[in-house]
Amino acid sequence: MASNRHLGRIISLQSLYEYEFRIKAGDTEADINTIIAKNIEPYAKALGDTEFVYALTRGVTDKIKALDQELAPLAPEWPLETIAAIDRNVLRLGLYELEAGEVPPKVAINEAVELAKAFGSDNSSKFVNGVLGTAFRNLSLDSSEEQHEAVQSSGKKPEQEVKKAAESSAKSAKSGKKSSEKSA
């Protein structure tokens, strides 16, 4: 059976998001393996390679502090805690895949951008593209002009895209916080 890695990344993102939410809410019984298993269950047949999801998600959770430290200087005007949780986890996932080198950098960035389009706010994909593009260049992986062009999604400088998209992400995070405060 063929593997559906895009679906695997979606499940990984959902698991990372749920895990972070539960930890921040003080859930002492939050276990990433249990969360992954629960999220995989409905899609196991379509997914095929369930080990990919476990390895990817565990890899991110094992390196979460290091990933956050690497991401912080890539968007210095937007501390990670002010970025919407979904965007933060997309960035972690994308950076982890960039560094792991198991897929081409273009694929890692494109998959993260697609996740941001599907689950983030209107400007999340631009923000993710800008931050991961900068990470890609900082990791000295940018060896060809073709790869460099793949990272650039518009004529604007990546820093301008990151700033504009981060503002939108921060607004999303604030509005989500306000709505959760009202419901509490």
C-alpha atoms as a PDB file:
ATOM      1  CA  MET A   1       0.000   0.000   0.000  1.00  0.00           C
ATOM      2  CA  ALA A   2       1.316   3.438  -0.922  1.00  0.00           C
ATOM      3  CA  SER A   3       2.045   5.941   1.781  1.00  0.00           C
ATOM      4  CA  ASN A   4       0.111   9.193   2.032  1.00  0.00           C
ATOM      5  CA  ARG A   5       2.651  11.481   3.645  1.00  0.00           C
ATOM      6  CA  HIS A   6       0.567  14.638   3.235  1.00  0.00           C
ATOM      7  CA  LEU A   7      -2.196  13.050   5.325  1.00  0.00           C
ATOM      8  CA  GLY A   8       0.512  11.925   7.751  1.00  0.00           C
ATOM      9  CA  ARG A   9       1.712  15.510   8.144  1.00  0.00           C
ATOM     10  CA  ILE A  10      -1.855  16.662   8.795  1.00  0.00           C
ATOM     11  CA  ILE A  11      -2.229  14.048  11.546  1.00  0.00           C
ATOM     12  CA  SER A  12       1.159  15.026  12.950  1.00  0.00           C
ATOM     13  CA  LEU A  13       0.164  18.710  13.009  1.00  0.00           C
ATOM     14  CA  GLN A  14      -3.140  17.904  14.719  1.00  0.00           C
ATOM     15  CA  SER A  15      -1.313  15.800  17.294  1.00  0.00           C
ATOM     16  CA  LEU A  16       1.292  18.503  17.976  1.00  0.00           C
ATOM     17  CA  TYR A  17      -1.425  21.131  18.326  1.00  0.00           C
ATOM     18  CA  GLU A  18      -3.471  18.986  20.723  1.00  0.00           C
ATOM     19  CA  TYR A  19      -0.400  18.054  22.757  1.00  0.00           C
ATOM     20  CA  GLU A  20       0.678  21.692  23.151  1.00  0.00           C
ATOM     21  CA  PHE A  21      -2.869  22.750  24.062  1.00  0.00           C
ATOM     22  CA  ARG A  22      -3.216  20.047  26.695  1.00  0.00           C
ATOM     23  CA  ILE A  23       0.206  20.756  28.220  1.00  0.00           C
ATOM     24  CA  LYS A  24      -0.563  24.487  28.451  1.00  0.00           C
ATOM     25  CA  ALA A  25      -3.918  23.662  30.026  1.00  0.00           C
ATOM     26  CA  GLY A  26      -2.138  21.701  32.767  1.00  0.00           C
ATOM     27  CA  ASP A  27      -3.120  18.206  31.606  1.00  0.00           C
ATOM     28  CA  THR A  28      -0.556  16.027  33.378  1.00  0.00           C
ATOM     29  CA  GLU A  29      -1.752  12.950  31.506  1.00  0.00           C
ATOM     30  CA  ALA A  30      -1.088  14.326  28.024  1.00  0.00           C
ATOM     31  CA  ASP A  31       0.953  11.690  26.213  1.00  0.00           C
ATOM     32  CA  ILE A  32       2.066  12.287  22.640  1.00  0.00           C
ATOM     33  CA  ASN A  33       1.948   8.589  21.695  1.00  0.00           C
ATOM     34  CA  THR A  34      -1.638   8.261  22.902  1.00  0.00           C
ATOM     35  CA  ILE A  35      -2.631  11.422  21.058  1.00  0.00           C
ATOM     36  CA  ILE A  36      -1.008  10.212  17.827  1.00  0.00           C
ATOM     37  CA  ALA A  37      -2.688   6.797  18.078  1.00  0.00           C
ATOM     38  CA  LYS A  38      -6.096   8.416  18.605  1.00  0.00           C
ATOM     39  CA  ASN A  39      -5.599  10.753  15.636  1.00  0.00           C
ATOM     40  CA  ILE A  40      -4.290   8.015  13.313  1.00  0.00           C
ATOM     41  CA  GLU A  41      -7.072   5.533  14.035  1.00  0.00           C
ATOM     42  CA  PRO A  42      -9.728   6.923  11.649  1.00  0.00           C
ATOM     43  CA  TYR A  43      -7.203   7.249   8.804  1.00  0.00           C
ATOM     44  CA  ALA A  44      -4.991   4.174   9.259  1.00  0.00           C
ATOM     45  CA  LYS A  45      -6.025   2.487   5.997  1.00  0.00           C
ATOM     46  CA  ALA A  46      -5.725   5.635   3.876  1.00  0.00           C
ATOM     47  CA  LEU A  47      -2.476   6.580   5.583  1.00  0.00           C
ATOM     48  CA  GLY A  48      -0.537   3.391   5.012  1.00  0.00           C
ATOM     49  CA  ASP A  49       2.764   4.294   6.715  1.00  0.00           C
ATOM     50  CA  THR A  50       1.723   5.053  10.296  1.00  0.00           C
ATOM     51  CA  GLU A  51       5.325   4.904  11.512  1.00  0.00           C
ATOM     52  CA  PHE A  52       6.046   8.065   9.495  1.00  0.00           C
ATOM     53  CA  VAL A  53       3.533   9.977  11.639  1.00  0.00           C
ATOM     54  CA  TYR A  54       4.938   8.618  14.885  1.00  0.00           C
ATOM     55  CA  ALA A  55       8.548   9.348  13.874  1.00  0.00           C
ATOM     56  CA  LEU A  56       7.756  12.855  12.613  1.00  0.00           C
ATOM     57  CA  THR A  57       5.657  13.860  15.611  1.00  0.00           C
ATOM     58  CA  ARG A  58       8.020  12.359  18.187  1.00  0.00           C
ATOM     59  CA  GLY A  59      10.940  13.999  16.395  1.00  0.00           C
ATOM     60  CA  VAL A  60       9.328  17.411  16.729  1.00  0.00           C
ATOM     61  CA  THR A  61       8.311  16.913  20.374  1.00  0.00           C
ATOM     62  CA  ASP A  62      11.784  15.617  21.283  1.00  0.00           C
ATOM     63  CA  LYS A  63      13.400  18.748  19.798  1.00  0.00           C
ATOM     64  CA  ILE A  64      10.695  21.307  20.561  1.00  0.00           C
ATOM     65  CA  LYS A  65      12.885  23.588  22.703  1.00  0.00           C
ATOM     66  CA  ALA A  66      15.751  23.517  20.192  1.00  0.00           C
ATOM     67  CA  LEU A  67      13.358  24.156  17.293  1.00  0.00           C
ATOM     68  CA  ASP A  68      11.809  27.103  19.140  1.00  0.00           C
ATOM     69  CA  GLN A  69      15.271  28.551  19.832  1.00  0.00           C
ATOM     70  CA  GLU A  70      16.121  28.278  16.136  1.00  0.00           C
ATOM     71  CA  LEU A  71      12.808  29.794  15.041  1.00  0.00           C
ATOM     72  CA  ALA A  72      12.941  32.788  17.414  1.00  0.00           C
ATOM     73  CA  PRO A  73      15.599  34.787  15.523  1.00  0.00           C
ATOM     74  CA  LEU A  74      13.982  34.051  12.165  1.00  0.00           C
ATOM     75  CA  ALA A  75      11.038  36.328  12.979  1.00  0.00           C
ATOM     76  CA  PRO A  76      12.497  38.508  15.753  1.00  0.00           C
ATOM     77  CA  GLU A  77       9.617  40.978  15.847  1.00  0.00           C
ATOM     78  CA  TRP A  78       7.192  38.148  16.594  1.00  0.00           C
ATOM     79  CA  PRO A  79       8.006  36.058  19.648  1.00  0.00           C
ATOM     80  CA  LEU A  80       6.791  32.477  19.237  1.00  0.00           C
ATOM     81  CA  GLU A  81       4.320  32.801  22.101  1.00  0.00           C
ATOM     82  CA  THR A  82       2.526  35.597  20.186  1.00  0.00           C
ATOM     83  CA  ILE A  83       2.179  33.544  17.021  1.00  0.00           C
ATOM     84  CA  ALA A  84      -1.006  31.501  16.622  1.00  0.00           C
ATOM     85  CA  ALA A  85      -0.533  27.964  17.973  1.00  0.00           C
ATOM     86  CA  ILE A  86      -1.285  26.341  14.631  1.00  0.00           C
ATOM     87  CA  ASP A  87       1.320  28.494  12.865  1.00  0.00           C
ATOM     88  CA  ARG A  88       3.856  27.784  15.595  1.00  0.00           C
ATOM     89  CA  ASN A  89       3.388  24.040  15.150  1.00  0.00           C
ATOM     90  CA  VAL A  90       3.518  24.254  11.351  1.00  0.00           C
ATOM     91  CA  LEU A  91       6.835  26.099  11.699  1.00  0.00           C
ATOM     92  CA  ARG A  92       8.189  23.467  14.085  1.00  0.00           C
ATOM     93  CA  LEU A  93       7.145  20.673  11.768  1.00  0.00           C
ATOM     94  CA  GLY A  94       8.594  22.382   8.699  1.00  0.00           C
ATOM     95  CA  LEU A  95      11.898  23.253  10.381  1.00  0.00           C
ATOM     96  CA  TYR A  96      12.227  19.718  11.719  1.00  0.00           C
ATOM     97  CA  GLU A  97      11.739  18.285   8.227  1.00  0.00           C
ATOM     98  CA  LEU A  98      14.200  20.790   6.742  1.00  0.00           C
ATOM     99  CA  GLU A  99      16.856  19.783   9.247  1.00  0.00           C
ATOM    100  CA  ALA A 100      16.161  16.056   9.093  1.00  0.00           C
ATOM    101  CA  GLY A 101      16.896  16.068   5.376  1.00  0.00           C
ATOM    102  CA  GLU A 102      14.688  13.063   4.656  1.00  0.00           C
ATOM    103  CA  VAL A 103      12.779  15.019   2.008  1.00  0.00           C
ATOM    104  CA  PRO A 104      14.096  17.696  -0.341  1.00  0.00           C
ATOM    105  CA  PRO A 105      13.988  21.196   1.198  1.00  0.00           C
ATOM    106  CA  LYS A 106      11.498  22.344  -1.439  1.00  0.00           C
ATOM    107  CA  VAL A 107       9.114  19.554  -0.386  1.00  0.00           C
ATOM    108  CA  ALA A 108       9.489  20.330   3.341  1.00  0.00           C
ATOM    109  CA  ILE A 109       8.729  24.015   2.777  1.00  0.00           C
ATOM    110  CA  ASN A 110       5.894  23.367   0.335  1.00  0.00           C
ATOM    111  CA  GLU A 111       4.219  20.878   2.680  1.00  0.00           C
ATOM    112  CA  ALA A 112       4.439  23.354   5.568  1.00  0.00           C
ATOM    113  CA  VAL A 113       2.984  26.111   3.389  1.00  0.00           C
ATOM    114  CA  GLU A 114       0.117  23.820   2.355  1.00  0.00           C
ATOM    115  CA  LEU A 115      -0.605  23.000   6.012  1.00  0.00           C
ATOM    116  CA  ALA A 116      -0.595  26.720   6.816  1.00  0.00           C
ATOM    117  CA  LYS A 117      -3.023  27.398   3.951  1.00  0.00           C
ATOM    118  CA  ALA A 118      -5.365  24.663   5.117  1.00  0.00           C
ATOM    119  CA  PHE A 119      -5.295  25.285   8.866  1.00  0.00           C
ATOM    120  CA  GLY A 120      -3.888  28.773   9.480  1.00  0.00           C
ATOM    121  CA  SER A 121      -5.145  32.286   8.950  1.00  0.00           C
ATOM    122  CA  ASP A 122      -5.188  34.179   5.639  1.00  0.00           C
ATOM    123  CA  ASN A 123      -1.507  35.171   5.794  1.00  0.00           C
ATOM    124  CA  SER A 124      -0.153  32.089   7.563  1.00  0.00           C
ATOM    125  CA  SER A 125       1.183  30.517   4.398  1.00  0.00           C
ATOM    126  CA  LYS A 126       3.205  33.632   3.533  1.00  0.00           C
ATOM    127  CA  PHE A 127       4.546  33.826   7.066  1.00  0.00           C
ATOM    128  CA  VAL A 128       5.526  30.151   7.102  1.00  0.00           C
ATOM    129  CA  ASN A 129       7.105  30.451   3.652  1.00  0.00           C
ATOM    130  CA  GLY A 130       9.145  33.481   4.727  1.00  0.00           C
ATOM    131  CA  VAL A 131      10.352  31.993   8.002  1.00  0.00           C
ATOM    132  CA  LEU A 132      11.200  28.583   6.557  1.00  0.00           C
ATOM    133  CA  GLY A 133      12.815  30.213   3.518  1.00  0.00           C
ATOM    134  CA  THR A 134      15.075  32.133   5.868  1.00  0.00           C
ATOM    135  CA  ALA A 135      15.793  28.949   7.829  1.00  0.00           C
ATOM    136  CA  PHE A 136      16.618  27.191   4.578  1.00  0.00           C
ATOM    137  CA  ARG A 137      19.142  29.867   3.647  1.00  0.00           C
ATOM    138  CA  ASN A 138      20.588  29.931   7.189  1.00  0.00           C
ATOM    139  CA  LEU A 139      21.070  26.160   7.138  1.00  0.00           C
ATOM    140  CA  SER A 140      23.277  26.611   4.048  1.00  0.00           C
ATOM    141  CA  LEU A 141      21.028  24.307   2.097  1.00  0.00           C
ATOM    142  CA  ASP A 142      20.439  26.915  -0.589  1.00  0.00           C
ATOM    143  CA  SER A 143      22.872  25.598  -3.174  1.00  0.00           C
ATOM    144  CA  SER A 144      21.091  26.468  -6.375  1.00  0.00           C
ATOM    145  CA  GLU A 145      19.242  29.427  -7.831  1.00  0.00           C
ATOM    146  CA  GLU A 146      16.301  27.145  -8.669  1.00  0.00           C
ATOM    147  CA  GLN A 147      15.844  26.180  -5.004  1.00  0.00           C
ATOM    148  CA  HIS A 148      16.150  29.830  -3.988  1.00  0.00           C
ATOM    149  CA  GLU A 149      13.381  30.795  -6.416  1.00  0.00           C
ATOM    150  CA  ALA A 150      11.150  28.003  -5.088  1.00  0.00           C
ATOM    151  CA  VAL A 151      11.306  29.551  -1.625  1.00  0.00           C
ATOM    152  CA  GLN A 152      10.389  33.021  -2.872  1.00  0.00           C
ATOM    153  CA  SER A 153       6.629  33.233  -3.417  1.00  0.00           C
ATOM    154  CA  SER A 154       6.414  36.893  -4.426  1.00  0.00           C
ATOM    155  CA  GLY A 155       8.427  39.870  -5.542  1.00  0.00           C
ATOM    156  CA  LYS A 156       8.566  41.245  -1.991  1.00  0.00           C
ATOM    157  CA  LYS A 157      11.529  40.685   0.268  1.00  0.00           C
ATOM    158  CA  PRO A 158      10.983  37.677   2.564  1.00  0.00           C
ATOM    159  CA  GLU A 159      11.359  39.921   5.614  1.00  0.00           C
ATOM    160  CA  GLN A 160       8.414  42.061   4.435  1.00  0.00           C
ATOM    161  CA  GLU A 161       6.289  38.949   3.897  1.00  0.00           C
ATOM    162  CA  VAL A 162       7.224  37.580   7.310  1.00  0.00           C
ATOM    163  CA  LYS A 163       6.383  40.852   9.064  1.00  0.00           C
ATOM    164  CA  LYS A 164       2.999  41.254   7.361  1.00  0.00           C
ATOM    165  CA  ALA A 165       2.004  37.626   7.847  1.00  0.00           C
ATOM    166  CA  ALA A 166       3.221  37.573  11.454  1.00  0.00           C
ATOM    167  CA  GLU A 167       1.007  40.552  12.254  1.00  0.00           C
ATOM    168  CA  SER A 168      -1.962  38.585  10.967  1.00  0.00           C
ATOM    169  CA  SER A 169      -0.922  35.499  12.929  1.00  0.00           C
ATOM    170  CA  ALA A 170      -0.559  37.524  16.117  1.00  0.00           C
ATOM    171  CA  LYS A 171      -4.012  39.026  15.579  1.00  0.00           C
ATOM    172  CA  SER A 172      -5.405  35.503  15.129  1.00  0.00           C
ATOM    173  CA  ALA A 173      -3.760  34.365  18.339  1.00  0.00           C
ATOM    174  CA  LYS A 174      -5.146  37.361  20.243  1.00  0.00           C
ATOM    175  CA  SER A 175      -8.664  36.932  18.887  1.00  0.00           C
ATOM    176  CA  GLY A 176      -8.573  33.217  19.716  1.00  0.00           C
ATOM    177  CA  LYS A 177      -7.439  34.047  23.241  1.00  0.00           C
ATOM    178  CA  LYS A 178     -10.251  36.582  23.658  1.00  0.00           C
ATOM    179  CA  SER A 179     -12.896  34.151  22.432  1.00  0.00           C
ATOM    180  CA  SER A 180     -11.617  31.391  24.723  1.00  0.00           C
ATOM    181  CA  GLU A 181     -11.608  33.824  27.654  1.00  0.00           C
ATOM    182  CA  LYS A 182     -15.240  34.731  26.930  1.00  0.00           C
ATOM    183  CA  SER A 183     -16.305  31.084  26.838  1.00  0.00           C
ATOM    184  CA  ALA A 184     -14.489  30.267  30.081  1.00  0.00           C
END
